[in-house]
Protein backbone atom coordinates (compact mmCIF):
# COMPACT_ATOMS: atom_id res chain seq x y z
CA MET A 1 39.54 259.69 147.86
CA THR A 2 41.94 259.16 144.87
CA SER A 3 42.35 258.76 141.33
CA PRO A 4 41.38 262.17 139.80
CA ILE A 5 40.12 262.03 136.25
CA THR A 6 41.93 264.97 134.48
CA HIS A 7 42.02 267.95 136.65
CA ASP A 8 42.86 268.49 140.45
CA ASP A 9 39.39 270.16 140.97
CA ALA A 10 37.55 267.33 139.13
CA GLN A 11 35.52 265.02 141.26
CA THR A 12 37.31 261.87 141.68
CA LEU A 13 36.19 258.53 140.19
CA ASP A 14 36.05 256.91 143.68
CA GLU A 15 33.79 259.84 144.85
CA ALA A 16 31.62 259.66 141.82
CA ARG A 17 31.06 255.91 142.55
CA VAL A 18 30.28 256.44 146.22
CA ARG A 19 27.75 259.34 145.22
CA TYR A 20 26.20 256.94 142.74
CA LEU A 21 25.86 253.88 145.25
CA VAL A 22 24.44 256.36 147.96
CA THR A 23 21.91 257.88 145.54
CA ARG A 24 20.82 254.57 144.14
CA ALA A 25 20.43 252.77 147.33
CA ALA A 26 18.56 255.76 148.83
CA LEU A 27 16.27 255.97 145.75
CA ARG A 28 15.44 252.27 145.76
CA ALA A 29 14.81 252.31 149.45
CA ALA A 30 12.58 255.45 149.12
CA LYS A 31 10.66 253.60 146.43
CA ALA A 32 10.18 250.54 148.69
CA MET A 33 8.95 252.88 151.65
CA THR A 34 6.47 254.69 149.40
CA SER A 35 5.21 252.27 146.77
CA PRO A 36 1.74 250.99 147.49
CA GLY A 37 0.97 247.39 147.27
CA LEU A 38 4.37 245.87 148.44
CA LYS A 39 3.94 243.28 151.24
CA PRO A 40 5.87 243.97 154.47
CA GLU A 41 8.24 241.27 153.96
CA GLN A 42 9.10 242.75 150.43
CA ARG A 43 9.49 246.22 151.73
CA LEU A 44 11.84 245.03 154.59
CA ALA A 45 13.92 242.80 152.23
CA THR A 46 14.45 245.77 149.79
CA LEU A 47 15.33 248.17 152.70
CA MET A 48 17.86 245.69 154.04
CA GLU A 49 19.46 245.15 150.69
CA CYS A 50 19.71 248.84 150.20
CA HIS A 51 21.08 249.30 153.66
CA GLY A 52 23.87 246.81 152.73
CA THR A 53 24.60 248.82 149.58
CA MET A 54 24.79 252.08 151.73
CA LEU A 55 27.21 250.51 154.18
CA ALA A 56 29.40 249.27 151.38
CA ALA A 57 29.47 252.64 149.89
CA ARG A 58 30.21 254.53 153.17
CA GLY A 59 32.76 252.11 154.29
CA PRO A 60 33.73 250.73 157.73
CA SER A 61 34.73 254.20 159.09
CA SER A 62 31.20 255.60 158.54
CA PRO A 63 28.73 253.07 160.14
CA LEU A 64 25.05 253.69 159.87
CA PRO A 65 22.54 251.62 161.84
CA PHE A 66 19.59 250.39 160.09
CA ALA A 67 17.18 252.62 162.16
CA GLU A 68 19.05 255.59 161.41
CA PHE A 69 19.21 254.82 157.67
CA ARG A 70 15.37 254.66 157.52
CA LYS A 71 15.09 258.01 159.47
CA ALA A 72 17.74 259.47 157.20
CA LEU A 73 15.68 258.69 154.08
CA ARG A 74 13.24 261.40 155.23
CA GLY A 75 15.93 264.07 155.31
CA GLU A 76 18.47 265.55 152.79
CA LEU A 77 20.33 263.19 150.65
CA ALA A 78 23.62 264.76 151.45
CA GLY A 79 23.21 263.51 155.00
CA LEU A 80 23.73 259.84 153.88
CA LEU A 81 27.14 260.63 152.24
CA PRO A 82 30.20 259.45 154.21
CA ASP A 83 32.84 261.81 155.69
CA GLY A 84 35.34 263.07 152.98
CA VAL A 85 32.90 263.01 150.14
CA SER A 86 31.64 266.41 149.12
CA ALA A 87 27.93 267.08 149.14
CA ALA A 88 28.40 269.37 146.19
CA ASP A 89 24.78 270.17 144.82
CA LEU A 90 23.08 267.67 146.96
CA GLY A 91 22.47 270.05 149.83
CA GLY A 92 18.77 270.72 150.40
CA LEU A 93 17.98 267.72 147.93
CA LEU A 94 15.33 265.32 149.54
CA VAL A 95 14.64 261.83 148.50
CA ILE A 96 11.05 261.79 149.99
CA ASP A 97 8.95 264.93 149.97
CA ARG A 98 6.23 266.19 152.40
CA ASP A 99 3.57 264.11 150.52
CA GLY A 100 5.51 260.97 151.13
CA GLN A 101 6.51 260.69 147.57
CA VAL A 102 9.82 260.14 145.99
CA THR A 103 11.05 263.47 144.58
CA GLU A 104 11.69 264.27 141.04
CA ASP A 105 15.19 265.54 141.73
CA ALA A 106 16.18 262.15 143.23
CA PHE A 107 15.11 260.45 139.94
CA ASP A 108 17.06 262.94 137.90
CA LEU A 109 20.27 262.63 140.12
CA ASP A 110 20.10 258.84 139.87
CA LEU A 111 19.72 258.79 135.97
CA GLU A 112 22.49 261.46 135.48
CA GLN A 113 25.06 259.65 137.59
CA ARG A 114 24.22 256.53 135.74
CA ILE A 115 24.84 258.24 132.39
CA LEU A 116 28.15 259.59 133.73
CA LEU A 117 29.36 256.31 134.95
CA HIS A 118 28.14 254.56 131.71
CA THR A 119 30.22 257.23 129.73
CA LEU A 120 33.16 256.66 131.82
CA ARG A 121 33.08 252.95 131.28
CA LYS A 122 32.74 253.42 127.41
CA LEU A 123 35.87 255.64 127.60
CA GLU A 124 37.66 252.86 129.39
CA LYS A 125 38.12 254.90 132.55
CA ASP A 126 37.79 252.93 135.81
CA ALA A 127 34.20 253.61 136.85
CA GLY A 128 34.41 251.20 139.71
CA ALA A 129 32.64 248.07 140.55
CA ILE A 130 29.05 248.87 139.25
CA SER A 131 27.07 245.85 137.88
CA ASP A 132 25.91 245.62 134.48
CA ARG A 133 22.45 245.12 135.93
CA GLU A 134 22.73 248.53 137.63
CA LEU A 135 24.27 250.47 134.72
CA GLN A 136 22.31 248.32 132.18
CA SER A 137 23.94 247.06 128.96
CA GLU A 138 22.85 250.32 127.27
CA ILE A 139 21.19 253.66 128.63
CA GLU A 140 17.73 253.63 127.24
CA GLN A 141 18.37 257.05 125.52
CA GLU A 142 21.44 255.86 123.80
CA THR A 143 19.56 252.65 122.59
CA ALA A 144 16.74 254.77 121.22
CA TYR A 145 19.16 257.05 119.20
CA ALA A 146 20.87 254.05 117.87
CA LEU A 147 17.63 252.51 116.63
CA LEU A 148 16.67 255.83 114.91
CA ARG A 149 20.10 256.13 113.24
CA LYS A 150 19.59 252.54 111.85
CA GLN A 151 17.05 253.83 109.61
CA GLY A 152 19.97 255.46 107.66
CA THR A 153 18.77 258.89 106.69
CA GLN A 154 18.93 262.29 108.30
CA ASN A 155 15.34 263.00 107.55
CA ALA A 156 14.30 259.84 109.16
CA TYR A 157 16.28 260.58 112.19
CA GLU A 158 15.02 264.07 112.64
CA ALA A 159 11.33 263.01 112.13
CA GLY A 160 11.78 260.07 114.67
CA ARG A 161 13.58 262.19 117.43
CA SER A 162 11.23 265.01 116.83
CA ASP A 163 8.29 262.73 117.52
CA LEU A 164 9.79 261.59 120.89
CA ILE A 165 9.93 265.25 121.84
CA ARG A 166 6.52 266.40 120.57
CA HIS A 167 4.67 263.27 121.41
CA PRO A 168 5.96 261.79 124.80
CA ALA A 169 2.51 260.37 125.57
CA GLY A 170 -0.83 259.94 123.95
CA PRO A 171 -3.49 257.53 122.65
CA VAL A 172 -1.99 254.22 121.48
CA ASP A 173 -3.56 254.45 117.97
CA GLN A 174 -2.09 257.93 117.47
CA LEU A 175 1.39 256.79 118.66
CA ARG A 176 1.37 253.89 116.21
CA LYS A 177 1.28 256.44 113.50
CA LEU A 178 4.48 258.20 114.53
CA LYS A 179 7.57 257.77 112.36
CA LEU A 180 9.31 255.54 114.87
CA PRO A 181 10.96 252.11 114.32
CA MET A 182 9.35 249.33 116.22
CA GLY A 183 12.27 249.08 118.93
CA VAL A 184 11.60 252.73 119.74
CA VAL A 185 7.85 252.29 120.00
CA ASP A 186 8.56 249.77 122.65
CA PHE A 187 9.82 252.61 124.98
CA TYR A 188 6.07 253.67 125.25
CA GLU A 189 4.75 252.15 128.41
CA GLU A 190 1.46 252.21 130.56
CA ILE A 191 0.78 255.57 132.16
CA PRO A 192 2.89 255.59 135.37
CA TYR A 193 0.76 254.65 138.44
CA GLY A 194 1.91 257.98 140.11
CA SER A 195 0.31 259.81 137.34
CA VAL A 196 -3.28 258.29 137.44
CA HIS A 197 -6.22 259.08 139.63
CA HIS A 198 -9.19 256.68 139.39
CA GLY A 199 -8.23 255.84 135.75
CA TRP A 200 -7.51 259.49 134.52
CA TRP A 201 -4.22 261.47 133.87
CA PHE A 202 -3.21 264.94 132.85
CA PRO A 203 -0.52 265.89 130.39
CA CYS A 204 1.85 268.69 131.46
CA PRO A 205 1.29 271.80 129.41
CA VAL A 206 4.91 272.27 128.77
CA CYS A 207 6.28 268.80 127.91
CA ARG A 208 2.94 266.64 127.38
CA TRP A 209 4.17 263.87 129.73
CA PRO A 210 1.80 262.62 132.47
CA MET A 211 2.01 264.91 135.54
CA ARG A 212 2.46 263.59 138.99
CA LEU A 213 -0.77 263.23 141.03
CA THR A 214 -0.89 263.23 144.74
CA LEU A 215 -3.54 263.71 147.56
CA ARG A 216 -2.91 265.60 150.77
CA LYS A 217 -4.77 266.90 153.72
CA ASN A 218 -5.78 270.61 153.70
CA ALA A 219 -7.83 272.01 156.64
CA GLY A 220 -9.38 268.67 157.27
CA ASN A 221 -10.22 268.07 153.49
CA ILE A 222 -8.35 265.90 150.95
CA VAL A 223 -7.13 267.87 148.06
CA GLY A 224 -5.44 266.65 145.06
CA SER A 225 -2.18 268.07 143.55
CA ALA A 226 -1.05 267.87 139.89
CA ARG A 227 2.50 268.76 139.07
CA CYS A 228 4.92 268.04 136.20
CA TRP A 229 7.49 265.40 137.30
CA HIS A 230 10.07 268.03 135.98
CA ALA A 231 10.30 270.66 138.86
CA PRO A 232 11.23 273.52 136.54
CA HIS A 233 7.98 272.96 134.41
CA ALA A 234 5.94 272.89 137.64
CA ASP A 235 7.66 276.07 138.83
CA MET A 236 6.68 277.70 135.37
CA GLY A 237 3.08 276.89 135.92
CA ALA A 238 2.42 273.30 135.30
CA ALA A 239 1.02 273.06 138.91
CA TYR A 240 -2.61 272.56 139.69
CA LEU A 241 -5.09 271.51 142.37
CA PHE A 242 -8.09 269.25 141.84
CA ARG A 243 -10.94 267.83 143.85
CA PRO A 244 -10.51 264.01 144.12
CA THR A 245 -13.37 261.95 142.54
CA SER A 246 -14.64 258.65 143.95
CA ASP A 247 -16.39 257.40 140.75
CA GLU A 248 -15.72 257.47 136.98
CA ARG A 249 -16.03 261.24 136.53
CA ALA A 250 -12.94 262.93 135.36
CA PRO A 251 -11.33 265.48 137.73
CA GLU A 252 -11.02 269.06 136.70
CA LEU A 253 -7.82 271.13 137.46
CA LEU A 254 -7.58 274.56 139.08
CA PRO A 255 -4.30 276.33 138.55
CA GLU A 256 -1.93 277.30 141.37
CA PRO A 257 -0.39 280.64 141.65
CA SER A 258 2.42 280.87 138.96
CA PRO A 259 5.16 283.33 138.38
CA ALA A 260 4.70 286.23 135.86
CA ARG A 261 5.67 285.56 132.38
CA PRO A 262 9.26 286.91 131.73
CA SER A 263 9.87 289.84 129.52
CA GLY A 264 12.73 290.60 127.17
CA ARG A 265 14.74 287.91 125.42
CA GLU A 266 13.50 285.13 127.81
CA ALA A 267 9.89 285.72 126.64
CA VAL A 268 10.75 284.38 123.17
CA LEU A 269 11.24 280.65 124.29
CA TYR A 270 8.85 280.52 127.36
CA PRO A 271 6.11 278.02 127.09
CA ASP A 272 2.39 278.63 127.18
CA THR A 273 1.02 277.39 130.50
CA GLU A 274 -2.30 279.22 130.59
CA THR A 275 -4.39 276.41 128.91
CA LEU A 276 -5.70 274.10 131.56
CA PRO A 277 -4.90 270.40 130.59
CA GLU A 278 -7.92 268.16 130.39
CA ALA A 279 -8.01 264.74 131.98
CA LEU A 280 -7.36 261.77 129.62
CA PRO A 281 -8.27 258.15 130.27
CA ALA A 282 -5.26 255.98 131.30
CA GLU A 283 -6.72 253.00 129.40
CA GLY A 284 -5.60 253.20 125.81
CA HIS A 285 -2.89 255.66 126.38
CA LYS A 286 0.81 255.29 126.92
CA ALA A 287 3.86 257.37 127.79
CA LEU A 288 7.60 257.14 127.09
CA ALA A 289 9.80 255.54 129.57
CA ARG A 290 10.96 258.03 132.31
CA GLY A 291 14.63 258.08 131.15
CA ILE A 292 13.72 258.67 127.52
CA TRP A 293 11.31 261.44 128.42
CA ARG A 294 13.72 263.08 130.89
CA TYR A 295 16.77 263.18 128.71
CA THR A 296 15.22 263.29 125.09
CA THR A 297 12.06 265.01 125.38
CA VAL A 298 12.89 267.60 128.15
CA PRO A 299 16.03 268.88 126.59
CA GLY A 300 14.58 268.53 123.28
CA LEU A 301 12.13 271.26 124.10
CA PRO A 302 14.63 274.13 124.00
CA GLU A 303 16.18 272.42 120.94
CA LEU A 304 13.16 272.54 118.90
CA ALA A 305 12.09 276.00 120.24
CA LEU A 306 15.42 277.40 119.22
CA PHE A 307 15.26 275.64 115.96
CA ASP A 308 11.73 277.03 115.22
CA ARG A 309 12.31 280.64 116.53
CA LEU A 310 15.57 280.96 114.63
CA LYS A 311 14.11 279.57 111.36
CA GLU A 312 11.17 282.16 111.76
CA ARG A 313 13.83 284.94 111.81
CA GLY A 314 15.40 283.82 108.52
CA LEU A 315 18.44 281.97 109.84
CA LYS A 316 19.75 278.62 108.47
CA VAL A 317 19.49 276.02 111.12
CA ASP A 318 19.95 272.19 111.02
CA LEU A 319 18.70 269.78 113.63
CA TRP A 320 21.10 267.03 114.87
CA PRO A 321 23.26 267.20 111.91
CA GLY A 322 25.40 264.16 110.82
CA LEU A 323 22.87 261.90 112.66
CA ASP A 324 23.21 263.66 115.93
CA ALA A 325 26.98 264.71 115.89
CA TYR A 326 25.62 267.57 118.05
CA ASP A 327 22.13 269.18 118.46
CA LEU A 328 22.01 272.34 116.32
CA LEU A 329 24.07 273.93 113.62
CA VAL A 330 23.36 277.53 112.94
CA GLU A 331 24.83 279.34 110.14
CA VAL A 332 24.92 283.03 109.77
CA ALA A 333 26.21 284.95 106.65
CA PRO A 334 25.93 288.58 107.06
CA LYS A 335 26.43 290.73 103.86
CA ARG A 336 30.14 291.01 102.75
CA ARG A 337 31.17 289.12 105.85
CA LYS A 338 32.49 285.49 106.28
CA LYS A 339 29.89 282.86 107.13
CA VAL A 340 29.99 282.10 110.86
CA SER A 341 28.86 278.64 112.20
CA PHE A 342 27.56 277.80 115.72
CA LYS A 343 27.73 274.10 116.69
CA VAL A 344 25.40 273.58 119.77
CA ASP A 345 24.75 270.95 122.35
CA VAL A 346 21.78 271.41 124.64
CA LYS A 347 21.89 269.91 128.04
CA ASP A 348 19.25 269.84 130.97
CA TYR A 349 20.86 268.40 133.99
CA THR A 350 19.55 268.82 137.59
CA SER A 351 23.13 268.30 138.87
CA VAL A 352 25.57 270.67 137.40
CA THR A 353 28.37 268.95 139.23
CA THR A 354 27.53 265.62 137.27
CA LEU A 355 27.40 267.57 133.99
CA ALA A 356 30.69 269.22 134.68
CA LYS A 357 32.09 265.79 135.51
CA LEU A 358 30.74 264.54 132.17
CA ILE A 359 32.31 267.32 130.17
CA HIS A 360 35.67 266.60 131.82
CA ALA A 361 35.33 262.88 131.06
CA GLN A 362 34.70 263.59 127.44
CA GLU A 363 37.22 266.47 127.27
CA GLY A 364 34.66 268.71 125.89
CA ASP A 365 31.83 267.57 123.51
CA LYS A 366 32.33 264.25 121.78
CA GLY A 367 30.63 265.50 118.57
CA GLY A 368 32.66 268.70 118.27
CA ALA A 369 30.01 271.30 119.62
CA GLU A 370 31.49 274.60 120.44
CA TRP A 371 28.45 275.93 122.50
CA LEU A 372 26.86 274.34 125.43
CA VAL A 373 23.32 275.65 125.88
CA VAL A 374 21.15 275.22 128.95
CA PRO A 375 17.50 276.06 129.36
CA ASP A 376 16.98 279.58 130.92
CA TYR A 377 15.81 278.03 134.18
CA ARG A 378 19.28 276.67 134.48
CA ALA A 379 20.91 280.02 134.38
CA ARG A 380 22.56 279.60 137.83
CA GLN A 381 24.65 276.59 136.37
CA ILE A 382 26.37 278.96 133.94
CA PRO A 383 29.21 280.20 136.12
CA LEU A 384 30.42 276.78 136.82
CA LEU A 385 29.88 275.39 133.31
CA SER A 386 31.76 278.30 131.76
CA GLY A 387 34.84 277.54 133.69
CA VAL A 388 34.70 273.84 132.68
CA CYS A 389 33.90 274.53 128.98
CA GLU A 390 36.66 277.19 128.61
CA ARG A 391 39.13 274.51 129.13
CA TYR A 392 37.87 272.62 126.07
CA GLY A 393 37.30 275.61 123.76
CA MET A 394 33.52 275.77 124.41
CA LYS A 395 31.20 278.39 125.66
CA ALA A 396 28.23 277.88 128.07
CA VAL A 397 25.19 280.08 127.63
CA THR A 398 21.32 280.00 128.28
CA ALA A 399 19.03 279.22 125.52
CA SER A 400 17.71 282.77 125.17
CA GLU A 401 21.13 284.35 125.53
CA PHE A 402 22.32 282.20 122.59
CA GLY A 403 19.19 283.08 120.51
CA GLU A 404 19.90 286.73 121.14
CA LEU A 405 23.59 286.72 120.31
CA VAL A 406 23.00 284.72 117.10
CA CYS A 407 20.43 287.08 115.95
CA LYS A 408 22.70 289.98 116.74
CA GLU A 409 25.50 288.35 114.58
CA ALA A 410 22.67 287.97 111.78
CA LYS A 411 21.68 291.55 112.08
CA VAL A 412 18.05 290.65 113.01
CA SER A 413 15.86 291.08 116.13
CA TRP A 414 15.55 288.27 118.67
CA THR A 415 12.76 289.95 120.69
């Protein structure tokens, strides 16, 4: 592969394009294989189209017969990459899980690579021959932010974006009361079919978006499973079992075993997952489009949590200053010392490789942030991100680590 972006160790543009095409084709094919209601001829036509995209991405030196392509969709995504393209963080990532459903990580990776290629195109870097239909004329998240900015005031922007984070789903009559312009309200859609069981859905206790509902066999019985579509939230306790219903009765959740609540600095931002979510009717309810939820609501949770906890400790904190130049501005003014400012950008990417590539492409943070903060459950990403950020005068830390160091600077207790 050729044409590196900036650094010798940066992923090449050609490689980014191949990874995108392979991921996109695999995801579309997996949806066709697992989506109910598709006619056999529709399923086959989609699979053949995706196979053609896969062959184009792999090139003539890496043939992949159609039967092998279908079989490979049940394995690791990395196995679909052609020789010479690094698997990076695709190792172990499945497209279809044991329940025959498309995995949440596959959705995330597709969206993240689309955001990367969209950014490269805006920066006038050669992102390759990806069609406007594939990349879309605007990423949904970017469109929503632009509509919020059009209101013209900082307070209106903060109120609207906070609503997208705190209310990603709910009754239509309540959503209409949110402080959102009409164009943004249009991003609320019907409850996803993969989150509905006989007309009922459950909000994740962490993010409030509809959880993923599946049925599986267990010792000869059919058991329902409810898990947040965002895997880290499920790992924190947003994972339940339920007895399937065959009538209009609402199912009840039983919690699956969850990890112990952390102690020390991480406990300050850790969400409450002890209260069982109650079933809500799909009729009369809507939820944000997946892309808006995943890249506004999900990373917005640590943004608001940091804002709230630091404000509670007496610090001066601004949300999305300058109509979203970056995410947080924290100012500390210890007695008889010069004021210190912390400009923060919060990111929650499943693929640390794609996030690192995005930082390279933008040569740091486009808004001037000096701190890159990731949720505590992304702590393993810090070593790679630290090396990338250092080149652009930035520092990478977890959310709780950032809260602790800022409080130390302000001479107040984080814990």
